[in-house]
Amino acid sequence: MATDERYATLAARLQRQDELDELIGDWTREREPLEIEALLQSHGVPCSAVETSPDLYGDPQLKHRGHFVEVEHPVHGGILVEGSRFKLSRTPAQYERSGPTMGRDNQYVLSELLGYSDGRIAELVGAGALE
């Protein structure tokens, strides 16, 4: 196809888009995603297979880099989260806690950031505004 005049220009490829989609679909249907990725990359085509969450969790490169980190969640117990994409020698990433549960930081936000008094916060709680 690389030397076929019917596909030599963008305009020509756009005119034959349905035909190209069918040809590429036929070619990819018979191959696994990682096989296609390796084959295309070996010919200088920048590409990456689209992977599902289970695929990513099983990816040897991500495992080697420690990409997934287990953190403790107050409701769900130990959960896996994505770690930092960067590995810094002097300032490595730290994973101190999971994402917040609903309302976990209300007291801090209301008192420290917004400056509400304990009485005002009690009023909000009593009115059901923080549920």
N, C-alpha and C. Protein backbone atom coordinates (compact mmCIF):
# COMPACT_ATOMS: atom_id res chain seq x y z
N MET A 1 0.82 -1.20 0.00
CA MET A 1 0.00 0.00 0.00
C MET A 1 0.86 1.26 0.00
N ALA A 2 2.08 1.16 0.53
CA ALA A 2 2.94 2.34 0.62
C ALA A 2 3.32 2.88 -0.76
N THR A 3 3.33 2.02 -1.75
CA THR A 3 3.71 2.46 -3.10
C THR A 3 2.50 2.56 -4.03
N ASP A 4 1.33 2.29 -3.53
CA ASP A 4 0.11 2.32 -4.35
C ASP A 4 -0.34 3.76 -4.54
N GLU A 5 -0.44 4.19 -5.78
CA GLU A 5 -0.84 5.57 -6.12
C GLU A 5 -2.21 5.95 -5.56
N ARG A 6 -3.07 4.95 -5.36
CA ARG A 6 -4.41 5.24 -4.84
C ARG A 6 -4.37 5.80 -3.42
N TYR A 7 -3.22 5.60 -2.74
CA TYR A 7 -3.10 6.06 -1.36
C TYR A 7 -1.94 7.04 -1.17
N ALA A 8 -1.43 7.59 -2.26
CA ALA A 8 -0.21 8.39 -2.22
C ALA A 8 -0.38 9.74 -1.53
N THR A 9 -1.58 10.29 -1.53
CA THR A 9 -1.78 11.61 -0.92
C THR A 9 -2.90 11.52 0.12
N LEU A 10 -2.93 12.51 0.99
CA LEU A 10 -3.99 12.56 1.99
C LEU A 10 -5.35 12.63 1.32
N ALA A 11 -5.48 13.46 0.32
CA ALA A 11 -6.76 13.59 -0.38
C ALA A 11 -7.21 12.24 -0.95
N ALA A 12 -6.26 11.50 -1.53
CA ALA A 12 -6.59 10.19 -2.11
C ALA A 12 -7.00 9.20 -1.02
N ARG A 13 -6.30 9.25 0.11
CA ARG A 13 -6.64 8.34 1.21
C ARG A 13 -8.01 8.69 1.79
N LEU A 14 -8.31 9.97 1.89
CA LEU A 14 -9.62 10.37 2.41
C LEU A 14 -10.75 9.93 1.48
N GLN A 15 -10.51 9.97 0.18
CA GLN A 15 -11.52 9.51 -0.77
C GLN A 15 -11.77 8.01 -0.64
N ARG A 16 -10.78 7.28 -0.20
CA ARG A 16 -10.88 5.82 -0.08
C ARG A 16 -10.90 5.38 1.39
N GLN A 17 -11.40 6.24 2.25
CA GLN A 17 -11.37 5.98 3.68
C GLN A 17 -12.08 4.68 4.06
N ASP A 18 -13.26 4.43 3.53
CA ASP A 18 -13.99 3.20 3.85
C ASP A 18 -13.20 1.97 3.40
N GLU A 19 -12.63 2.06 2.21
CA GLU A 19 -11.82 0.95 1.68
C GLU A 19 -10.61 0.70 2.58
N LEU A 20 -9.94 1.78 2.98
CA LEU A 20 -8.77 1.64 3.86
C LEU A 20 -9.16 1.07 5.22
N ASP A 21 -10.27 1.54 5.77
CA ASP A 21 -10.73 1.02 7.05
C ASP A 21 -10.97 -0.49 6.97
N GLU A 22 -11.55 -0.93 5.88
CA GLU A 22 -11.82 -2.36 5.71
C GLU A 22 -10.51 -3.14 5.57
N LEU A 23 -9.57 -2.64 4.79
CA LEU A 23 -8.28 -3.32 4.62
C LEU A 23 -7.52 -3.41 5.95
N ILE A 24 -7.48 -2.32 6.67
CA ILE A 24 -6.77 -2.31 7.95
C ILE A 24 -7.50 -3.18 8.96
N GLY A 25 -8.82 -3.15 8.95
CA GLY A 25 -9.60 -4.01 9.84
C GLY A 25 -9.34 -5.48 9.58
N ASP A 26 -9.28 -5.85 8.31
CA ASP A 26 -8.98 -7.24 7.96
C ASP A 26 -7.59 -7.65 8.44
N TRP A 27 -6.64 -6.74 8.30
CA TRP A 27 -5.25 -7.03 8.69
C TRP A 27 -5.13 -7.14 10.21
N THR A 28 -5.76 -6.23 10.94
CA THR A 28 -5.62 -6.24 12.40
C THR A 28 -6.43 -7.34 13.06
N ARG A 29 -7.53 -7.73 12.46
CA ARG A 29 -8.40 -8.75 13.04
C ARG A 29 -7.68 -10.08 13.26
N GLU A 30 -6.68 -10.36 12.44
CA GLU A 30 -5.95 -11.63 12.51
C GLU A 30 -4.73 -11.57 13.43
N ARG A 31 -4.53 -10.45 14.12
CA ARG A 31 -3.34 -10.29 14.96
C ARG A 31 -3.71 -9.79 16.35
N GLU A 32 -2.83 -10.07 17.30
CA GLU A 32 -3.00 -9.57 18.66
C GLU A 32 -2.48 -8.13 18.73
N PRO A 33 -3.06 -7.30 19.62
CA PRO A 33 -2.62 -5.90 19.72
C PRO A 33 -1.13 -5.70 19.93
N LEU A 34 -0.52 -6.49 20.82
CA LEU A 34 0.91 -6.30 21.07
C LEU A 34 1.76 -6.76 19.89
N GLU A 35 1.27 -7.73 19.13
CA GLU A 35 1.96 -8.16 17.91
C GLU A 35 1.95 -7.02 16.89
N ILE A 36 0.80 -6.38 16.74
CA ILE A 36 0.68 -5.25 15.80
C ILE A 36 1.60 -4.13 16.24
N GLU A 37 1.59 -3.82 17.53
CA GLU A 37 2.44 -2.76 18.07
C GLU A 37 3.91 -3.02 17.74
N ALA A 38 4.38 -4.24 18.02
CA ALA A 38 5.79 -4.58 17.78
C ALA A 38 6.13 -4.52 16.30
N LEU A 39 5.25 -5.02 15.46
CA LEU A 39 5.49 -5.02 14.02
C LEU A 39 5.57 -3.59 13.47
N LEU A 40 4.61 -2.76 13.85
CA LEU A 40 4.62 -1.38 13.37
C LEU A 40 5.83 -0.62 13.90
N GLN A 41 6.15 -0.79 15.17
CA GLN A 41 7.31 -0.10 15.75
C GLN A 41 8.60 -0.54 15.08
N SER A 42 8.69 -1.81 14.69
CA SER A 42 9.90 -2.30 14.02
C SER A 42 10.09 -1.65 12.65
N HIS A 43 9.02 -1.08 12.11
CA HIS A 43 9.09 -0.36 10.84
C HIS A 43 9.07 1.15 11.03
N GLY A 44 9.32 1.60 12.26
CA GLY A 44 9.44 3.02 12.53
C GLY A 44 8.12 3.75 12.71
N VAL A 45 7.03 3.03 12.89
CA VAL A 45 5.73 3.67 13.10
C VAL A 45 5.52 3.87 14.59
N PRO A 46 5.43 5.13 15.06
CA PRO A 46 5.19 5.35 16.48
C PRO A 46 3.76 4.93 16.83
N CYS A 47 3.62 3.97 17.72
CA CYS A 47 2.28 3.49 18.07
C CYS A 47 2.32 2.78 19.40
N SER A 48 1.14 2.54 19.93
CA SER A 48 1.00 1.78 21.16
C SER A 48 -0.33 1.08 21.13
N ALA A 49 -0.35 -0.15 21.60
CA ALA A 49 -1.61 -0.90 21.68
C ALA A 49 -2.50 -0.25 22.72
N VAL A 50 -3.79 -0.25 22.46
CA VAL A 50 -4.76 0.21 23.45
C VAL A 50 -4.99 -0.95 24.41
N GLU A 51 -4.80 -0.69 25.70
CA GLU A 51 -4.90 -1.76 26.67
C GLU A 51 -6.01 -1.49 27.69
N THR A 52 -6.59 -2.56 28.18
CA THR A 52 -7.60 -2.46 29.23
C THR A 52 -6.90 -2.33 30.58
N SER A 53 -7.65 -2.04 31.63
CA SER A 53 -7.06 -1.96 32.96
C SER A 53 -6.36 -3.26 33.36
N PRO A 54 -6.99 -4.43 33.16
CA PRO A 54 -6.26 -5.67 33.49
C PRO A 54 -4.99 -5.85 32.65
N ASP A 55 -5.02 -5.43 31.38
CA ASP A 55 -3.81 -5.50 30.54
C ASP A 55 -2.70 -4.66 31.16
N LEU A 56 -3.05 -3.44 31.57
CA LEU A 56 -2.05 -2.54 32.14
C LEU A 56 -1.49 -3.09 33.44
N TYR A 57 -2.36 -3.66 34.27
CA TYR A 57 -1.88 -4.22 35.54
C TYR A 57 -0.91 -5.37 35.30
N GLY A 58 -1.11 -6.12 34.23
CA GLY A 58 -0.22 -7.23 33.91
C GLY A 58 0.99 -6.85 33.08
N ASP A 59 1.10 -5.59 32.68
CA ASP A 59 2.19 -5.14 31.82
C ASP A 59 3.53 -5.28 32.54
N PRO A 60 4.48 -6.05 31.98
CA PRO A 60 5.76 -6.27 32.66
C PRO A 60 6.56 -4.99 32.90
N GLN A 61 6.50 -4.06 31.98
CA GLN A 61 7.24 -2.79 32.14
C GLN A 61 6.70 -2.00 33.32
N LEU A 62 5.36 -1.91 33.43
CA LEU A 62 4.76 -1.18 34.54
C LEU A 62 5.04 -1.88 35.87
N LYS A 63 5.01 -3.21 35.86
CA LYS A 63 5.33 -3.95 37.09
C LYS A 63 6.78 -3.67 37.50
N HIS A 64 7.68 -3.73 36.54
CA HIS A 64 9.10 -3.50 36.82
C HIS A 64 9.32 -2.11 37.43
N ARG A 65 8.59 -1.14 36.95
CA ARG A 65 8.75 0.23 37.44
C ARG A 65 7.97 0.49 38.73
N GLY A 66 7.23 -0.50 39.22
CA GLY A 66 6.45 -0.29 40.44
C GLY A 66 5.35 0.73 40.24
N HIS A 67 4.75 0.72 39.06
CA HIS A 67 3.75 1.74 38.70
C HIS A 67 2.49 1.69 39.56
N PHE A 68 2.06 0.49 39.94
CA PHE A 68 0.87 0.37 40.76
C PHE A 68 1.28 0.19 42.21
N VAL A 69 0.65 0.98 43.08
CA VAL A 69 1.01 1.02 44.49
C VAL A 69 -0.25 0.72 45.32
N GLU A 70 -0.09 -0.08 46.36
CA GLU A 70 -1.23 -0.34 47.23
C GLU A 70 -1.25 0.67 48.36
N VAL A 71 -2.42 1.26 48.58
CA VAL A 71 -2.63 2.18 49.70
C VAL A 71 -3.85 1.71 50.47
N GLU A 72 -3.91 2.08 51.72
CA GLU A 72 -5.02 1.67 52.58
C GLU A 72 -6.15 2.69 52.46
N HIS A 73 -7.35 2.18 52.24
CA HIS A 73 -8.54 3.02 52.15
C HIS A 73 -9.44 2.69 53.34
N PRO A 74 -10.01 3.70 54.02
CA PRO A 74 -10.79 3.44 55.22
C PRO A 74 -12.05 2.61 54.99
N VAL A 75 -12.57 2.59 53.79
CA VAL A 75 -13.79 1.83 53.49
C VAL A 75 -13.47 0.52 52.76
N HIS A 76 -12.57 0.57 51.80
CA HIS A 76 -12.32 -0.55 50.91
C HIS A 76 -11.08 -1.38 51.27
N GLY A 77 -10.35 -0.98 52.29
CA GLY A 77 -9.12 -1.70 52.64
C GLY A 77 -8.00 -1.36 51.69
N GLY A 78 -7.13 -2.33 51.42
CA GLY A 78 -6.02 -2.09 50.51
C GLY A 78 -6.50 -1.98 49.07
N ILE A 79 -6.16 -0.89 48.42
CA ILE A 79 -6.54 -0.68 47.02
C ILE A 79 -5.31 -0.32 46.20
N LEU A 80 -5.34 -0.66 44.91
CA LEU A 80 -4.24 -0.31 44.01
C LEU A 80 -4.53 1.02 43.35
N VAL A 81 -3.52 1.87 43.32
CA VAL A 81 -3.61 3.15 42.62
C VAL A 81 -2.40 3.28 41.71
N GLU A 82 -2.50 4.16 40.73
CA GLU A 82 -1.35 4.42 39.88
C GLU A 82 -0.34 5.26 40.65
N GLY A 83 0.90 4.85 40.57
CA GLY A 83 1.96 5.61 41.21
C GLY A 83 2.46 6.72 40.29
N SER A 84 3.46 7.40 40.75
CA SER A 84 4.06 8.48 39.97
C SER A 84 4.70 7.93 38.71
N ARG A 85 4.63 8.68 37.65
CA ARG A 85 5.28 8.28 36.40
C ARG A 85 6.78 8.60 36.43
N PHE A 86 7.18 9.35 37.43
CA PHE A 86 8.58 9.78 37.52
C PHE A 86 9.25 9.08 38.69
N LYS A 87 10.48 8.66 38.49
CA LYS A 87 11.28 8.04 39.54
C LYS A 87 12.43 9.00 39.85
N LEU A 88 12.28 9.77 40.92
CA LEU A 88 13.27 10.77 41.29
C LEU A 88 14.13 10.26 42.44
N SER A 89 15.45 10.32 42.30
CA SER A 89 16.34 9.73 43.29
C SER A 89 16.36 10.52 44.60
N ARG A 90 16.31 11.83 44.53
CA ARG A 90 16.39 12.62 45.76
C ARG A 90 15.03 12.94 46.37
N THR A 91 13.99 12.90 45.56
CA THR A 91 12.66 13.19 46.07
C THR A 91 11.65 12.17 45.53
N PRO A 92 11.78 10.93 45.99
CA PRO A 92 10.86 9.90 45.48
C PRO A 92 9.42 10.18 45.91
N ALA A 93 8.49 9.72 45.10
CA ALA A 93 7.08 9.91 45.41
C ALA A 93 6.73 9.18 46.70
N GLN A 94 5.80 9.76 47.45
CA GLN A 94 5.33 9.13 48.68
C GLN A 94 3.83 8.95 48.56
N TYR A 95 3.35 7.84 49.05
CA TYR A 95 1.93 7.51 48.98
C TYR A 95 1.44 7.34 50.41
N GLU A 96 0.99 8.44 50.99
CA GLU A 96 0.65 8.44 52.42
C GLU A 96 -0.80 8.06 52.70
N ARG A 97 -1.70 8.33 51.76
CA ARG A 97 -3.10 7.99 52.00
C ARG A 97 -3.86 7.91 50.69
N SER A 98 -5.00 7.28 50.77
CA SER A 98 -5.85 7.13 49.58
C SER A 98 -6.65 8.41 49.36
N GLY A 99 -7.47 8.41 48.34
CA GLY A 99 -8.36 9.54 48.10
C GLY A 99 -9.34 9.68 49.26
N PRO A 100 -9.83 10.87 49.47
CA PRO A 100 -10.69 11.11 50.63
C PRO A 100 -12.07 10.48 50.49
N THR A 101 -12.63 10.10 51.62
CA THR A 101 -14.03 9.70 51.65
C THR A 101 -14.85 10.99 51.73
N MET A 102 -16.13 10.88 51.46
CA MET A 102 -17.00 12.05 51.47
C MET A 102 -16.94 12.75 52.83
N GLY A 103 -16.56 13.99 52.82
CA GLY A 103 -16.55 14.81 54.03
C GLY A 103 -15.34 14.65 54.92
N ARG A 104 -14.37 13.83 54.52
CA ARG A 104 -13.21 13.57 55.39
C ARG A 104 -12.50 14.86 55.80
N ASP A 105 -12.40 15.81 54.93
CA ASP A 105 -11.63 17.02 55.22
C ASP A 105 -12.51 18.23 55.54
N ASN A 106 -13.79 17.99 55.84
CA ASN A 106 -14.70 19.11 56.13
C ASN A 106 -14.18 20.01 57.24
N GLN A 107 -13.78 19.42 58.35
CA GLN A 107 -13.34 20.23 59.50
C GLN A 107 -12.16 21.11 59.10
N TYR A 108 -11.19 20.55 58.41
CA TYR A 108 -10.01 21.32 57.99
C TYR A 108 -10.42 22.45 57.04
N VAL A 109 -11.22 22.13 56.05
CA VAL A 109 -11.61 23.13 55.06
C VAL A 109 -12.41 24.25 55.72
N LEU A 110 -13.40 23.87 56.53
CA LEU A 110 -14.27 24.89 57.13
C LEU A 110 -13.54 25.74 58.17
N SER A 111 -12.74 25.11 59.02
CA SER A 111 -12.10 25.89 60.08
C SER A 111 -10.79 26.55 59.64
N GLU A 112 -9.93 25.78 59.01
CA GLU A 112 -8.60 26.32 58.66
C GLU A 112 -8.61 27.18 57.40
N LEU A 113 -9.28 26.70 56.36
CA LEU A 113 -9.26 27.44 55.10
C LEU A 113 -10.30 28.56 55.05
N LEU A 114 -11.50 28.27 55.55
CA LEU A 114 -12.57 29.26 55.48
C LEU A 114 -12.72 30.08 56.76
N GLY A 115 -12.08 29.65 57.83
CA GLY A 115 -12.10 30.42 59.07
C GLY A 115 -13.41 30.36 59.84
N TYR A 116 -14.22 29.34 59.61
CA TYR A 116 -15.50 29.22 60.33
C TYR A 116 -15.23 28.86 61.79
N SER A 117 -16.04 29.39 62.68
CA SER A 117 -15.94 29.05 64.10
C SER A 117 -16.57 27.68 64.34
N ASP A 118 -16.26 27.11 65.50
CA ASP A 118 -16.86 25.82 65.85
C ASP A 118 -18.38 25.93 65.88
N GLY A 119 -18.88 27.06 66.36
CA GLY A 119 -20.33 27.27 66.41
C GLY A 119 -20.95 27.27 65.03
N ARG A 120 -20.32 27.95 64.10
CA ARG A 120 -20.83 28.00 62.72
C ARG A 120 -20.81 26.62 62.08
N ILE A 121 -19.75 25.87 62.31
CA ILE A 121 -19.66 24.51 61.76
C ILE A 121 -20.76 23.65 62.37
N ALA A 122 -21.01 23.79 63.68
CA ALA A 122 -22.08 23.03 64.34
C ALA A 122 -23.43 23.36 63.73
N GLU A 123 -23.65 24.64 63.38
CA GLU A 123 -24.90 25.04 62.73
C GLU A 123 -25.06 24.33 61.38
N LEU A 124 -23.98 24.29 60.61
CA LEU A 124 -24.01 23.62 59.30
C LEU A 124 -24.31 22.12 59.45
N VAL A 125 -23.68 21.50 60.44
CA VAL A 125 -23.92 20.09 60.68
C VAL A 125 -25.37 19.88 61.07
N GLY A 126 -25.87 20.71 61.99
CA GLY A 126 -27.26 20.60 62.45
C GLY A 126 -28.27 20.80 61.33
N ALA A 127 -27.93 21.65 60.38
CA ALA A 127 -28.84 21.92 59.25
C ALA A 127 -28.77 20.85 58.17
N GLY A 128 -27.83 19.91 58.32
CA GLY A 128 -27.68 18.85 57.32
C GLY A 128 -26.92 19.29 56.07
N ALA A 129 -26.25 20.42 56.14
CA ALA A 129 -25.55 20.96 54.97
C ALA A 129 -24.30 20.16 54.60
N LEU A 130 -23.80 19.37 55.53
CA LEU A 130 -22.55 18.64 55.25
C LEU A 130 -22.79 17.16 54.98
N GLU A 131 -24.03 16.77 54.77
CA GLU A 131 -24.33 15.36 54.50
C GLU A 131 -24.24 15.05 53.03
